[in-house]
Amino acid sequence: MATRELPLVELDARLGQRALIPFIIWYGKARMSVDGYQDKLPVYLDAPLAAGGRMLLAEPPLASTHILKPQPQRVSACCGGPCSSF
């Protein structure tokens, strides 16, 4: 079973790059998709992070223990008048 640790500092950096790199792509590979429009990332915690646990991107058959769902990105739309964000 192949796993890769996902340090919080790396997760934070990727959250800032969501407009450039799809959130489902990690290390050049598409991760398992979770239904829905909003970005989601299934992860496995081997123990609570506060107790020194690690967050992992895992390959099957390891199932996720948590699903990270960041804030939706703001979308801008122009409709022939002033642009608005919603």
N, C-alpha and C. Protein backbone atom coordinates (compact mmCIF):
# COMPACT_ATOMS: atom_id res chain seq x y z
N MET A 1 0.85 -1.17 0.00
CA MET A 1 0.00 0.00 0.00
C MET A 1 0.90 1.24 0.00
N ALA A 2 0.72 2.09 -0.99
CA ALA A 2 1.52 3.30 -1.10
C ALA A 2 0.79 4.46 -0.43
N THR A 3 1.50 5.19 0.39
CA THR A 3 0.93 6.37 1.02
C THR A 3 1.94 7.50 0.90
N ARG A 4 1.44 8.70 0.99
CA ARG A 4 2.31 9.87 0.98
C ARG A 4 1.80 10.82 2.03
N GLU A 5 2.69 11.27 2.90
CA GLU A 5 2.30 12.21 3.94
C GLU A 5 2.00 13.56 3.33
N LEU A 6 1.00 14.24 3.88
CA LEU A 6 0.61 15.57 3.44
C LEU A 6 0.81 16.53 4.61
N PRO A 7 1.99 17.17 4.68
CA PRO A 7 2.23 18.12 5.77
C PRO A 7 1.29 19.33 5.68
N LEU A 8 0.93 19.87 6.81
CA LEU A 8 0.01 21.01 6.84
C LEU A 8 0.56 22.20 6.06
N VAL A 9 1.87 22.41 6.10
CA VAL A 9 2.46 23.54 5.37
C VAL A 9 2.27 23.36 3.87
N GLU A 10 2.35 22.14 3.38
CA GLU A 10 2.12 21.87 1.96
C GLU A 10 0.65 22.05 1.60
N LEU A 11 -0.23 21.59 2.47
CA LEU A 11 -1.66 21.76 2.25
C LEU A 11 -2.00 23.25 2.17
N ASP A 12 -1.44 24.04 3.07
CA ASP A 12 -1.68 25.48 3.08
C ASP A 12 -1.20 26.13 1.77
N ALA A 13 -0.03 25.72 1.30
CA ALA A 13 0.49 26.27 0.05
C ALA A 13 -0.42 25.91 -1.13
N ARG A 14 -0.89 24.67 -1.17
CA ARG A 14 -1.76 24.23 -2.27
C ARG A 14 -3.11 24.94 -2.24
N LEU A 15 -3.62 25.24 -1.06
CA LEU A 15 -4.87 25.97 -0.97
C LEU A 15 -4.74 27.34 -1.64
N GLY A 16 -3.55 27.92 -1.56
CA GLY A 16 -3.30 29.21 -2.20
C GLY A 16 -3.10 29.10 -3.71
N GLN A 17 -2.95 27.90 -4.23
CA GLN A 17 -2.71 27.69 -5.66
C GLN A 17 -3.92 27.08 -6.38
N ARG A 18 -5.05 27.03 -5.73
CA ARG A 18 -6.21 26.33 -6.32
C ARG A 18 -6.63 26.92 -7.65
N ALA A 19 -6.41 28.21 -7.88
CA ALA A 19 -6.79 28.81 -9.16
C ALA A 19 -5.85 28.35 -10.28
N LEU A 20 -4.65 27.90 -9.93
CA LEU A 20 -3.65 27.49 -10.92
C LEU A 20 -3.57 25.98 -11.10
N ILE A 21 -3.73 25.24 -10.03
CA ILE A 21 -3.61 23.78 -10.05
C ILE A 21 -4.89 23.19 -9.47
N PRO A 22 -5.59 22.35 -10.23
CA PRO A 22 -6.81 21.74 -9.68
C PRO A 22 -6.52 21.03 -8.36
N PHE A 23 -7.40 21.21 -7.39
CA PHE A 23 -7.19 20.67 -6.05
C PHE A 23 -7.14 19.15 -6.04
N ILE A 24 -7.72 18.52 -7.05
CA ILE A 24 -7.73 17.07 -7.10
C ILE A 24 -6.38 16.50 -7.57
N ILE A 25 -5.50 17.34 -8.13
CA ILE A 25 -4.19 16.91 -8.62
C ILE A 25 -3.14 17.09 -7.52
N TRP A 26 -2.49 15.99 -7.15
CA TRP A 26 -1.42 16.01 -6.15
C TRP A 26 -0.27 15.18 -6.66
N TYR A 27 0.91 15.76 -6.66
CA TYR A 27 2.13 15.07 -7.10
C TYR A 27 1.97 14.53 -8.53
N GLY A 28 1.31 15.33 -9.38
CA GLY A 28 1.14 14.97 -10.77
C GLY A 28 0.11 13.89 -11.05
N LYS A 29 -0.68 13.54 -10.05
CA LYS A 29 -1.64 12.45 -10.21
C LYS A 29 -3.00 12.90 -9.68
N ALA A 30 -4.06 12.55 -10.41
CA ALA A 30 -5.41 12.85 -9.94
C ALA A 30 -5.75 11.94 -8.77
N ARG A 31 -6.21 12.54 -7.69
CA ARG A 31 -6.63 11.78 -6.52
C ARG A 31 -8.07 11.34 -6.71
N MET A 32 -8.52 10.42 -5.89
CA MET A 32 -9.88 9.94 -5.94
C MET A 32 -10.86 11.12 -5.88
N SER A 33 -11.82 11.11 -6.76
CA SER A 33 -12.81 12.18 -6.82
C SER A 33 -13.95 11.90 -5.85
N VAL A 34 -14.45 12.95 -5.24
CA VAL A 34 -15.63 12.87 -4.39
C VAL A 34 -16.71 13.70 -5.08
N ASP A 35 -17.90 13.14 -5.23
CA ASP A 35 -18.97 13.81 -5.96
C ASP A 35 -19.24 15.21 -5.44
N GLY A 36 -19.68 16.06 -6.34
CA GLY A 36 -20.07 17.41 -5.99
C GLY A 36 -19.21 18.44 -6.69
N TYR A 37 -19.68 19.67 -6.67
CA TYR A 37 -19.01 20.77 -7.36
C TYR A 37 -17.81 21.28 -6.58
N GLN A 38 -17.94 21.35 -5.27
CA GLN A 38 -16.90 21.94 -4.44
C GLN A 38 -15.68 21.03 -4.35
N ASP A 39 -14.48 21.66 -4.26
CA ASP A 39 -13.24 20.91 -4.08
C ASP A 39 -13.30 20.08 -2.81
N LYS A 40 -12.81 18.84 -2.90
CA LYS A 40 -12.74 17.95 -1.73
C LYS A 40 -11.50 17.10 -1.88
N LEU A 41 -10.93 16.70 -0.76
CA LEU A 41 -9.75 15.84 -0.79
C LEU A 41 -9.87 14.81 0.33
N PRO A 42 -10.04 13.54 -0.04
CA PRO A 42 -10.08 12.49 0.98
C PRO A 42 -8.67 12.24 1.53
N VAL A 43 -8.54 12.19 2.84
CA VAL A 43 -7.25 11.93 3.48
C VAL A 43 -7.41 10.88 4.57
N TYR A 44 -6.30 10.35 5.01
CA TYR A 44 -6.27 9.36 6.08
C TYR A 44 -5.42 9.92 7.21
N LEU A 45 -5.96 9.96 8.42
CA LEU A 45 -5.19 10.35 9.60
C LEU A 45 -4.85 9.08 10.37
N ASP A 46 -3.54 8.88 10.62
CA ASP A 46 -3.15 7.66 11.33
C ASP A 46 -3.29 7.81 12.85
N ALA A 47 -3.48 9.04 13.30
CA ALA A 47 -3.74 9.38 14.71
C ALA A 47 -4.15 10.85 14.71
N PRO A 48 -4.75 11.35 15.78
CA PRO A 48 -5.08 12.77 15.81
C PRO A 48 -3.83 13.63 15.60
N LEU A 49 -3.96 14.69 14.81
CA LEU A 49 -2.81 15.55 14.53
C LEU A 49 -2.24 16.15 15.82
N ALA A 50 -3.11 16.48 16.76
CA ALA A 50 -2.66 17.06 18.02
C ALA A 50 -1.82 16.07 18.83
N ALA A 51 -1.96 14.78 18.54
CA ALA A 51 -1.20 13.75 19.25
C ALA A 51 0.00 13.28 18.42
N GLY A 52 0.35 14.07 17.40
CA GLY A 52 1.50 13.70 16.58
C GLY A 52 1.16 12.84 15.37
N GLY A 53 -0.12 12.72 15.06
CA GLY A 53 -0.52 11.91 13.91
C GLY A 53 -0.14 12.56 12.60
N ARG A 54 -0.24 11.78 11.54
CA ARG A 54 0.10 12.26 10.20
C ARG A 54 -1.15 12.22 9.32
N MET A 55 -1.21 13.20 8.41
CA MET A 55 -2.25 13.22 7.40
C MET A 55 -1.63 12.62 6.14
N LEU A 56 -2.32 11.65 5.55
CA LEU A 56 -1.77 10.93 4.41
C LEU A 56 -2.72 10.97 3.22
N LEU A 57 -2.12 11.04 2.02
CA LEU A 57 -2.84 10.76 0.79
C LEU A 57 -2.58 9.29 0.54
N ALA A 58 -3.61 8.50 0.50
CA ALA A 58 -3.41 7.05 0.44
C ALA A 58 -3.97 6.47 -0.85
N GLU A 59 -3.40 5.36 -1.23
CA GLU A 59 -3.89 4.59 -2.37
C GLU A 59 -4.79 3.48 -1.82
N PRO A 60 -5.76 3.06 -2.62
CA PRO A 60 -6.57 1.91 -2.20
C PRO A 60 -5.67 0.72 -1.88
N PRO A 61 -6.01 -0.08 -0.93
CA PRO A 61 -7.32 -0.22 -0.29
C PRO A 61 -7.50 0.63 0.96
N LEU A 62 -6.57 1.51 1.29
CA LEU A 62 -6.69 2.35 2.48
C LEU A 62 -7.82 3.36 2.26
N ALA A 63 -8.83 3.34 3.12
CA ALA A 63 -9.96 4.25 3.00
C ALA A 63 -9.67 5.55 3.74
N SER A 64 -10.29 6.63 3.29
CA SER A 64 -10.10 7.91 3.96
C SER A 64 -10.81 7.90 5.31
N THR A 65 -10.24 8.65 6.25
CA THR A 65 -10.88 8.84 7.54
C THR A 65 -11.52 10.22 7.62
N HIS A 66 -11.10 11.14 6.75
CA HIS A 66 -11.60 12.51 6.73
C HIS A 66 -11.67 13.00 5.29
N ILE A 67 -12.54 13.97 5.05
CA ILE A 67 -12.60 14.63 3.75
C ILE A 67 -12.39 16.12 3.99
N LEU A 68 -11.33 16.66 3.40
CA LEU A 68 -11.06 18.09 3.51
C LEU A 68 -11.89 18.82 2.46
N LYS A 69 -12.59 19.85 2.88
CA LYS A 69 -13.47 20.59 1.98
C LYS A 69 -13.20 22.08 2.21
N PRO A 70 -12.26 22.66 1.43
CA PRO A 70 -11.92 24.06 1.65
C PRO A 70 -13.05 25.00 1.23
N GLN A 71 -12.94 26.25 1.70
CA GLN A 71 -13.90 27.28 1.31
C GLN A 71 -13.99 27.33 -0.21
N PRO A 72 -15.19 27.50 -0.77
CA PRO A 72 -15.30 27.65 -2.22
C PRO A 72 -14.54 28.89 -2.69
N GLN A 73 -14.00 28.79 -3.89
CA GLN A 73 -13.34 29.95 -4.47
C GLN A 73 -14.39 30.93 -4.94
N ARG A 74 -14.06 32.21 -4.86
CA ARG A 74 -15.00 33.24 -5.33
C ARG A 74 -15.01 33.23 -6.84
N VAL A 75 -16.20 33.37 -7.40
CA VAL A 75 -16.37 33.40 -8.86
C VAL A 75 -16.81 34.79 -9.26
N SER A 76 -16.17 35.35 -10.27
CA SER A 76 -16.57 36.66 -10.79
C SER A 76 -17.39 36.47 -12.05
N ALA A 77 -18.38 37.32 -12.20
CA ALA A 77 -19.21 37.26 -13.41
C ALA A 77 -19.47 38.67 -13.91
N CYS A 78 -19.39 38.82 -15.21
CA CYS A 78 -19.72 40.12 -15.84
C CYS A 78 -20.92 39.91 -16.74
N CYS A 79 -21.91 40.73 -16.55
CA CYS A 79 -23.14 40.57 -17.31
C CYS A 79 -23.47 41.85 -18.05
N GLY A 80 -22.54 42.37 -18.83
CA GLY A 80 -22.80 43.56 -19.62
C GLY A 80 -22.76 44.85 -18.82
N GLY A 81 -22.53 44.77 -17.56
CA GLY A 81 -22.47 45.94 -16.71
C GLY A 81 -21.30 45.80 -15.78
N PRO A 82 -21.38 46.43 -14.63
CA PRO A 82 -20.29 46.28 -13.66
C PRO A 82 -20.12 44.82 -13.26
N CYS A 83 -18.88 44.43 -13.04
CA CYS A 83 -18.60 43.05 -12.60
C CYS A 83 -18.93 42.91 -11.13
N SER A 84 -19.39 41.74 -10.78
CA SER A 84 -19.68 41.46 -9.37
C SER A 84 -19.12 40.12 -9.00
N SER A 85 -18.82 39.95 -7.76
CA SER A 85 -18.36 38.66 -7.24
C SER A 85 -19.45 38.06 -6.39
N PHE A 86 -19.59 36.76 -6.51
CA PHE A 86 -20.57 36.06 -5.68
C PHE A 86 -20.08 34.70 -5.38
